[in-house]
Each structure stands twice: as C-alpha cells, then as structure tokens.
Amino acid sequence: MGFVTPAQQYDVISVGDVATDLFIRLSDGQVERRADERGTWLVFPLGAKVPYERATTVEAGGSAANAAVAMSRLGLRVALASFLAHDELGRDLLGALHTERVDTRLVRIDSPAHTNRNFVLSFHGERTILVWHEEFDYHWPHLRPSEVPSWLHLTSLGAHALGYQDQIADWLDENPSVRMAFQPGTFQIEAGVDRLARLYRRAEVLVCDRAQAGAMVGVSPADPAELLEPLLKLGPRQVVVVDEAGGAVASDGSKRYSVPPFPDTSAPLDRTGAEDAFAATFVAALVRGVDFAEALRWSPPNFMSVVHELGSQAGLLHNEELLDLLKESGDGFQVRQL
C-alpha cells in the first residue's frame, strides 16, 4: 500500500546515521543509580565482572533506521538514505532492512570507514548509550524524478555532517513540493539553531523531547506547552514536544494540543527508540492524510508498545495493530485542545 503517485517510488525517505545496536539489560547488585547536583548516574565498580540479565542485537538501529522500520510497518513505501561500510555489520544491517521492506538503494557504501556500532545499557527502564559516529564521506545523492518522495524525515547525524545537511537544505530548496519532518539528534542540537536555521525554517514539523526543546530555545519552563511558541519562532510550521511517558504537547501553528500517554499499567522495560516510534508514527499519519490532532492520537500507542520490549524495534506496531489499539481505547484516550 502506498500513498504516492504511480510515477514515484517512495512516500518517505528517512535520512540519518544508522548503527548496529547491542542492547544489554543490566542486573541489580553491582549496578546502581546515584543522583547528585550534576544529575543522575549509572554506577558500577571499576575493574569488576558485572553480570547482566540478557542481551539482544538490533542489526539496523539508530533513529533513521528505527523511523524507517516504523513507517514501513505502518504501510508506507520507505527508503533509507544513509552510509555504512563494506563489513559484516554493514551486510547484516542491509539484510535486516530488506526483511522490513525498507528500500536501501540510497544507502551508500564508504569502504575505508566502519559501520557504526552502539552499546545500549538498559537499567530499570532507562538507557545509557555508548555511541559512535563514523566520519563518512557524506554527500547527498542525485535523485531521479521517480525517487523524489512526498516527505523527507531527517534525524540524527554526527558532528561532522554539517556540510551534508547544507546539501540537503539545497536539495529541499530545489524541491519545494517535498515536505520535511525534522527530528534532530544530539549533535544537531549542539550545532545550534543558527547553524541549521535553513532546516528549521524548512521543516513542516519539528519533533523533539522536552530537554531538546529547552536546549534549542534556551529556556526550561515548568509547563512544556510554553515551549511551543518559541519553537515555532525557529521556523517550523508545526511542533511536537514528546514527554518521557509517551504523551506530548503540540501546535499546528494556530492551535495548541495535548495528548496523554497511552493507557498502560505495566512498567517500561526499555525506552530506547520510543521517541523515534512516536515521531515516525506521527509523520506516517500525516503522510496518509490524517489531520494534525488525530496524528497525535496515533503516536502514543507505538511509544507504549516499544518500551515493553528490549531493543528499539521489537515492539513497533503494524498498521492493523495500531488501529485496533486506538479502536479499543475508545473515548478514554483523546487529544484535547489547550
């Protein structure tokens, strides 16, 4: 099922760094959490043999791959534009994407480099990620007319990819019909809104969490809804700020909305990839022609499903599963206008 004209191949191209993610669920005992004036810390003894409960590997991880898989499961025609190496991790990553029906023709092989690999330490539902971004020879591909998508979903990239993002901004200027969702990662936010101002202004929708929103606009209000107007001033037409429980506040540029977390009584297992699931589901709903408020309602169920599995993709819902959950929730789960 697709939502493009017959001449087009893709509904969405997901853009960003990808990695093989090794998830390690740590055991109680030698591992603990400590809090001080600087924040909350994951602590275990130096030099010890620290036991863990279990591990799982996501061959095609990272925000761009998570989003691509989420949108593919929701029935969209999705391509991934990214970079990896000609190594075993890279081959496994491509194989995993093929299994999820994600088109990889726009994935480029950078032979001297190494495919990214991250280690995700999961403890009591929270995660600490040991992350690496390889210095790939980034360059935006020349897309044939049939490869120009309806939407571009731009996610996390490494600190050395700023020139690449300039190329993406140039391409978007040349293709004004393409709508862009921007879900910035750590290094994009650290680069500052002035450096990536063209992307913020070009974004149809900006999706971030509360901490990221505060870093972008330089304020941290008690009410997250107060972040919406400052974010809109950066240029995006719509903004969504996701909270750690899977709810959100949002603005379509004229009205403000709030959506609660999806009803759930069980404790989360691992929150890795949950925000990616929220963002990708929201974009997928917009691609399908769902209105803004209803697209917000689509997103928390996928967030909720992901946090109950170890790994960023095991809990991602297929379209029928998502719609069934929404139907079963009835009037008890609704978006309200602020």
Protein backbone atom coordinates (compact mmCIF):
# COMPACT_ATOMS: atom_id res chain seq x y z
CA MET A 1 0.00 0.00 0.00
CA GLY A 2 1.46 3.35 -1.00
CA PHE A 3 0.46 6.99 -0.90
CA VAL A 4 2.42 8.43 -3.81
CA THR A 5 1.61 8.93 -7.45
CA PRO A 6 2.35 5.95 -9.73
CA ALA A 7 5.50 7.67 -11.03
CA GLN A 8 7.01 7.86 -7.53
CA GLN A 9 8.71 5.08 -5.61
CA TYR A 10 8.64 6.47 -2.06
CA ASP A 11 6.28 8.07 0.40
CA VAL A 12 9.15 8.92 2.74
CA ILE A 13 12.94 8.93 2.69
CA SER A 14 14.39 8.57 6.17
CA VAL A 15 17.77 10.33 6.47
CA GLY A 16 20.34 9.92 9.23
CA ASP A 17 23.11 7.80 10.68
CA VAL A 18 22.44 4.13 11.31
CA ALA A 19 24.19 1.61 13.52
CA THR A 20 24.11 -1.90 14.83
CA ASP A 21 22.88 -1.61 18.42
CA LEU A 22 23.77 -4.15 21.09
CA PHE A 23 21.27 -3.88 23.96
CA ILE A 24 22.45 -5.12 27.36
CA ARG A 25 19.96 -5.36 30.22
CA LEU A 26 21.92 -4.91 33.42
CA SER A 27 21.13 -6.77 36.64
CA ASP A 28 20.67 -5.37 40.13
CA GLY A 29 23.51 -5.98 42.51
CA GLN A 30 26.75 -4.35 41.46
CA VAL A 31 24.95 -1.75 39.33
CA GLU A 32 23.11 1.18 40.87
CA ARG A 33 21.77 4.66 40.18
CA ARG A 34 23.12 7.67 42.04
CA ALA A 35 21.93 11.26 41.94
CA ASP A 36 23.81 14.44 42.85
CA GLU A 37 23.73 18.11 41.95
CA ARG A 38 25.14 17.28 38.50
CA GLY A 39 22.46 14.73 37.55
CA THR A 40 21.71 11.01 37.78
CA TRP A 41 24.48 8.49 37.20
CA LEU A 42 24.76 4.82 36.32
CA VAL A 43 27.43 3.38 38.62
CA PHE A 44 29.26 0.07 38.70
CA PRO A 45 32.66 -0.88 40.15
CA LEU A 46 35.71 -0.30 38.01
CA GLY A 47 37.51 -3.50 37.07
CA ALA A 48 34.67 -5.79 38.17
CA LYS A 49 32.92 -8.53 36.20
CA VAL A 50 29.41 -7.09 36.06
CA PRO A 51 26.63 -9.62 35.36
CA TYR A 52 23.77 -8.81 33.02
CA GLU A 53 20.34 -10.39 32.51
CA ARG A 54 20.25 -10.67 28.74
CA ALA A 55 21.34 -9.04 25.53
CA THR A 56 19.81 -8.53 22.12
CA THR A 57 21.08 -7.07 18.87
CA VAL A 58 19.25 -4.70 16.53
CA GLU A 59 21.19 -5.04 13.29
CA ALA A 60 19.71 -1.88 11.78
CA GLY A 61 19.42 0.63 14.61
CA GLY A 62 19.77 4.37 15.01
CA SER A 63 16.96 6.91 14.72
CA ALA A 64 16.84 6.88 10.91
CA ALA A 65 16.53 3.09 10.73
CA ASN A 66 14.07 2.99 13.63
CA ALA A 67 11.88 5.54 11.87
CA ALA A 68 12.15 3.75 8.53
CA VAL A 69 11.12 0.41 10.03
CA ALA A 70 8.26 2.02 11.96
CA MET A 71 6.86 3.69 8.85
CA SER A 72 7.30 0.57 6.75
CA ARG A 73 5.32 -1.48 9.28
CA LEU A 74 2.62 1.18 9.06
CA GLY A 75 2.26 0.54 5.34
CA LEU A 76 4.34 3.29 3.73
CA ARG A 77 6.86 2.98 0.93
CA VAL A 78 10.07 3.92 2.71
CA ALA A 79 13.67 4.35 1.64
CA LEU A 80 16.67 4.94 3.84
CA ALA A 81 19.42 7.39 2.87
CA SER A 82 22.49 6.67 4.97
CA PHE A 83 26.10 5.48 4.96
CA LEU A 84 27.82 2.31 6.13
CA ALA A 85 30.90 0.26 5.41
CA HIS A 86 31.58 -2.87 3.41
CA ASP A 87 31.93 -5.02 6.51
CA GLU A 88 29.96 -7.73 8.32
CA LEU A 89 27.96 -5.22 10.35
CA GLY A 90 27.03 -3.36 7.19
CA ARG A 91 25.90 -6.51 5.39
CA ASP A 92 23.79 -7.58 8.38
CA LEU A 93 22.31 -4.11 8.61
CA LEU A 94 21.21 -4.15 4.96
CA GLY A 95 19.75 -7.63 5.38
CA ALA A 96 17.68 -6.50 8.36
CA LEU A 97 16.30 -3.54 6.41
CA HIS A 98 15.37 -5.76 3.47
CA THR A 99 13.45 -8.00 5.86
CA GLU A 100 11.47 -4.95 6.99
CA ARG A 101 10.76 -3.93 3.36
CA VAL A 102 12.84 -0.75 3.61
CA ASP A 103 14.38 0.25 0.27
CA THR A 104 18.18 0.56 0.60
CA ARG A 105 19.11 1.83 -2.86
CA LEU A 106 20.05 5.20 -1.34
CA VAL A 107 22.37 3.65 1.26
CA ARG A 108 25.96 4.38 0.24
CA ILE A 109 28.97 2.16 0.98
CA ASP A 110 32.01 4.07 2.27
CA SER A 111 34.69 1.38 2.10
CA PRO A 112 37.51 2.87 4.23
CA ALA A 113 35.10 3.52 7.11
CA HIS A 114 33.49 1.17 9.61
CA THR A 115 29.78 0.68 10.16
CA ASN A 116 28.64 2.36 13.37
CA ARG A 117 28.05 0.16 16.41
CA ASN A 118 26.48 1.35 19.67
CA PHE A 119 26.16 -0.32 23.06
CA VAL A 120 22.93 0.35 24.94
CA LEU A 121 22.99 -0.29 28.70
CA SER A 122 19.44 -0.77 29.99
CA PHE A 123 18.72 -0.46 33.72
CA HIS A 124 15.30 -0.12 35.37
CA GLY A 125 13.68 1.10 32.16
CA GLU A 126 16.29 3.78 31.43
CA ARG A 127 19.16 3.51 28.99
CA THR A 128 22.71 4.79 28.68
CA ILE A 129 24.14 4.59 25.17
CA LEU A 130 27.80 4.28 24.24
CA VAL A 131 27.62 5.89 20.82
CA TRP A 132 29.98 6.27 17.89
CA HIS A 133 29.51 8.20 14.64
CA GLU A 134 31.99 7.22 11.92
CA GLU A 135 33.39 10.03 9.76
CA PHE A 136 31.79 9.03 6.48
CA ASP A 137 32.31 10.82 3.19
CA TYR A 138 28.85 12.37 3.33
CA HIS A 139 27.24 13.56 0.11
CA TRP A 140 23.60 13.91 -0.84
CA PRO A 141 22.71 11.65 -3.81
CA HIS A 142 21.29 12.78 -7.10
CA LEU A 143 17.70 11.58 -7.06
CA ARG A 144 15.84 10.71 -10.22
CA PRO A 145 12.36 12.25 -10.54
CA SER A 146 10.80 8.92 -9.56
CA GLU A 147 12.90 8.86 -6.36
CA VAL A 148 11.71 12.26 -5.09
CA PRO A 149 9.49 11.43 -2.10
CA SER A 150 6.43 13.11 -0.68
CA TRP A 151 8.24 13.53 2.65
CA LEU A 152 11.79 13.61 3.97
CA HIS A 153 12.32 12.55 7.61
CA LEU A 154 15.65 13.96 8.81
CA THR A 155 17.02 12.51 12.04
CA SER A 156 20.28 12.19 13.97
CA LEU A 157 23.64 12.76 12.24
CA GLY A 158 27.19 13.05 13.53
CA ALA A 159 29.02 16.25 14.38
CA HIS A 160 30.99 16.17 11.11
CA ALA A 161 27.87 16.04 8.89
CA LEU A 162 27.10 19.76 8.82
CA GLY A 163 28.13 20.18 5.18
CA TYR A 164 25.94 17.22 4.29
CA GLN A 165 22.99 18.94 5.91
CA ASP A 166 23.72 22.05 3.86
CA GLN A 167 23.44 19.86 0.76
CA ILE A 168 20.10 18.52 2.00
CA ALA A 169 18.86 22.08 2.55
CA ASP A 170 19.95 22.98 -1.01
CA TRP A 171 18.07 19.96 -2.38
CA LEU A 172 14.95 20.86 -0.42
CA ASP A 173 15.10 24.37 -1.90
CA GLU A 174 15.17 22.79 -5.35
CA ASN A 175 12.23 20.51 -4.50
CA PRO A 176 9.65 22.70 -2.76
CA SER A 177 6.92 20.04 -3.04
CA VAL A 178 8.77 17.75 -0.60
CA ARG A 179 7.57 18.12 2.99
CA MET A 180 10.18 17.70 5.69
CA ALA A 181 9.96 16.33 9.23
CA PHE A 182 12.94 17.27 11.41
CA GLN A 183 13.77 15.13 14.46
CA PRO A 184 17.18 16.48 15.48
CA GLY A 185 19.69 14.43 17.42
CA THR A 186 22.35 15.36 19.95
CA PHE A 187 24.98 16.75 17.57
CA GLN A 188 22.43 18.69 15.51
CA ILE A 189 21.15 20.41 18.65
CA GLU A 190 24.71 21.08 19.82
CA ALA A 191 25.44 22.72 16.45
CA GLY A 192 22.85 25.36 17.36
CA VAL A 193 19.72 26.62 15.70
CA ASP A 194 21.60 29.36 13.82
CA ARG A 195 23.88 26.83 12.08
CA LEU A 196 20.93 24.71 10.96
CA ALA A 197 18.48 27.59 10.56
CA ARG A 198 17.62 26.61 6.97
CA LEU A 199 16.41 23.20 8.11
CA TYR A 200 14.34 24.57 10.98
CA ARG A 201 12.70 27.07 8.63
CA ARG A 202 12.05 24.39 6.00
CA ALA A 203 10.51 21.89 8.41
CA GLU A 204 6.84 21.09 8.07
CA VAL A 205 7.05 19.58 11.54
CA LEU A 206 9.70 19.59 14.26
CA VAL A 207 9.60 16.69 16.76
CA CYS A 208 11.75 16.66 19.90
CA ASP A 209 11.64 15.88 23.60
CA ARG A 210 11.36 18.43 26.37
CA ALA A 211 15.09 18.61 27.16
CA GLN A 212 15.94 19.07 23.49
CA ALA A 213 13.30 21.78 23.13
CA GLY A 214 14.74 23.65 26.09
CA ALA A 215 18.24 23.43 24.62
CA MET A 216 17.02 24.78 21.27
CA VAL A 217 15.24 27.84 22.65
CA GLY A 218 17.32 28.45 25.77
CA VAL A 219 14.50 28.21 28.31
CA SER A 220 13.12 25.43 30.50
CA PRO A 221 9.63 26.38 31.70
CA ALA A 222 7.65 24.33 34.19
CA ASP A 223 4.83 24.00 31.66
CA PRO A 224 6.10 22.29 28.46
CA ALA A 225 3.32 23.98 26.46
CA GLU A 226 5.25 27.23 26.94
CA LEU A 227 7.96 25.79 24.67
CA LEU A 228 5.67 25.62 21.65
CA GLU A 229 5.67 29.29 20.67
CA PRO A 230 9.48 29.71 20.97
CA LEU A 231 9.94 26.57 18.86
CA LEU A 232 7.58 27.88 16.18
CA LYS A 233 9.66 31.06 16.01
CA LEU A 234 12.57 28.93 14.78
CA GLY A 235 10.61 28.41 11.55
CA PRO A 236 8.80 25.04 11.52
CA ARG A 237 5.10 25.16 10.70
CA GLN A 238 4.18 22.57 13.33
CA VAL A 239 5.92 21.38 16.50
CA VAL A 240 5.56 18.35 18.78
CA VAL A 241 7.27 18.03 22.18
CA VAL A 242 7.22 14.43 23.46
CA ASP A 243 7.43 13.66 27.18
CA GLU A 244 9.23 10.70 28.77
CA ALA A 245 5.95 8.86 29.44
CA GLY A 246 4.84 8.94 25.80
CA GLY A 247 2.45 11.89 25.80
CA ALA A 248 3.07 15.22 24.09
CA VAL A 249 2.13 18.84 23.67
CA ALA A 250 1.97 20.22 20.14
CA SER A 251 0.99 23.11 17.94
CA ASP A 252 -0.20 23.16 14.34
CA GLY A 253 0.80 26.82 14.11
CA SER A 254 -2.55 28.18 15.27
CA LYS A 255 -3.92 25.80 17.92
CA ARG A 256 -2.21 24.01 20.80
CA TYR A 257 -2.92 20.41 21.76
CA SER A 258 -2.10 17.87 24.43
CA VAL A 259 -2.16 14.09 24.11
CA PRO A 260 -1.68 11.83 27.17
CA PRO A 261 0.43 8.68 27.30
CA PHE A 262 -1.44 5.66 26.01
CA PRO A 263 -3.20 3.89 28.93
CA ASP A 264 -0.85 1.28 30.36
CA THR A 265 -0.39 -0.15 33.85
CA SER A 266 2.84 -2.10 33.38
CA ALA A 267 6.34 -0.73 33.96
CA PRO A 268 8.53 0.04 30.92
CA LEU A 269 11.37 -2.33 30.08
CA ASP A 270 13.48 -0.11 27.79
CA ARG A 271 12.71 3.35 26.38
CA THR A 272 15.29 3.23 23.58
CA GLY A 273 13.66 4.12 20.27
CA ALA A 274 10.33 5.10 21.81
CA GLU A 275 10.61 8.74 20.73
CA ASP A 276 11.57 7.55 17.23
CA ALA A 277 8.42 5.44 17.20
CA PHE A 278 6.32 8.43 18.27
CA ALA A 279 7.82 10.74 15.64
CA ALA A 280 7.66 8.19 12.81
CA THR A 281 4.05 7.29 13.61
CA PHE A 282 3.06 10.96 13.65
CA VAL A 283 4.71 11.52 10.26
CA ALA A 284 3.17 8.33 8.83
CA ALA A 285 -0.28 9.56 9.85
CA LEU A 286 0.31 12.91 8.15
CA VAL A 287 1.50 11.12 5.00
CA ARG A 288 -1.75 9.17 4.99
CA GLY A 289 -3.71 12.43 5.11
CA VAL A 290 -4.74 12.17 8.77
CA ASP A 291 -5.35 15.58 10.37
CA PHE A 292 -2.93 17.01 12.93
CA ALA A 293 -4.88 16.17 16.10
CA GLU A 294 -5.65 12.62 15.02
CA ALA A 295 -1.99 12.10 14.01
CA LEU A 296 -1.08 12.99 17.60
CA ARG A 297 -3.53 10.33 18.81
CA TRP A 298 -1.86 7.68 16.61
CA SER A 299 1.57 8.16 18.17
CA PRO A 300 1.44 7.21 21.90
CA PRO A 301 0.34 3.57 21.28
CA ASN A 302 3.53 2.88 19.31
CA PHE A 303 5.63 4.59 22.01
CA MET A 304 3.95 2.40 24.64
CA SER A 305 4.49 -0.78 22.64
CA VAL A 306 8.20 -0.11 22.08
CA VAL A 307 9.02 0.48 25.77
CA HIS A 308 7.81 -3.02 26.68
CA GLU A 309 10.44 -4.76 24.54
CA LEU A 310 14.22 -4.81 24.83
CA GLY A 311 15.51 -3.03 21.75
CA SER A 312 14.23 -0.19 19.63
CA GLN A 313 12.17 -2.11 17.06
CA ALA A 314 10.74 -5.32 18.53
CA GLY A 315 7.63 -3.51 19.78
CA LEU A 316 6.93 -1.46 16.66
CA LEU A 317 3.31 -1.97 15.61
CA HIS A 318 1.92 -2.89 12.22
CA ASN A 319 -0.84 -0.71 10.87
CA GLU A 320 -3.71 -3.04 11.79
CA GLU A 321 -2.37 -3.48 15.34
CA LEU A 322 -2.14 0.27 15.85
CA LEU A 323 -5.67 0.91 14.57
CA ASP A 324 -7.03 -1.90 16.74
CA LEU A 325 -5.45 -0.37 19.86
CA LEU A 326 -6.94 3.03 19.01
CA LYS A 327 -10.35 1.47 18.46
CA GLU A 328 -10.18 -0.47 21.73
CA SER A 329 -9.21 2.66 23.68
CA GLY A 330 -12.46 4.35 22.66
CA ASP A 331 -13.31 7.71 24.19
CA GLY A 332 -10.93 7.12 27.09
CA PHE A 333 -7.92 8.20 25.06
CA GLN A 334 -8.31 11.54 23.30
CA VAL A 335 -6.41 14.62 22.24
CA ARG A 336 -7.52 17.83 23.88
CA GLN A 337 -7.07 21.41 22.77
CA LEU A 338 -5.19 23.67 25.18
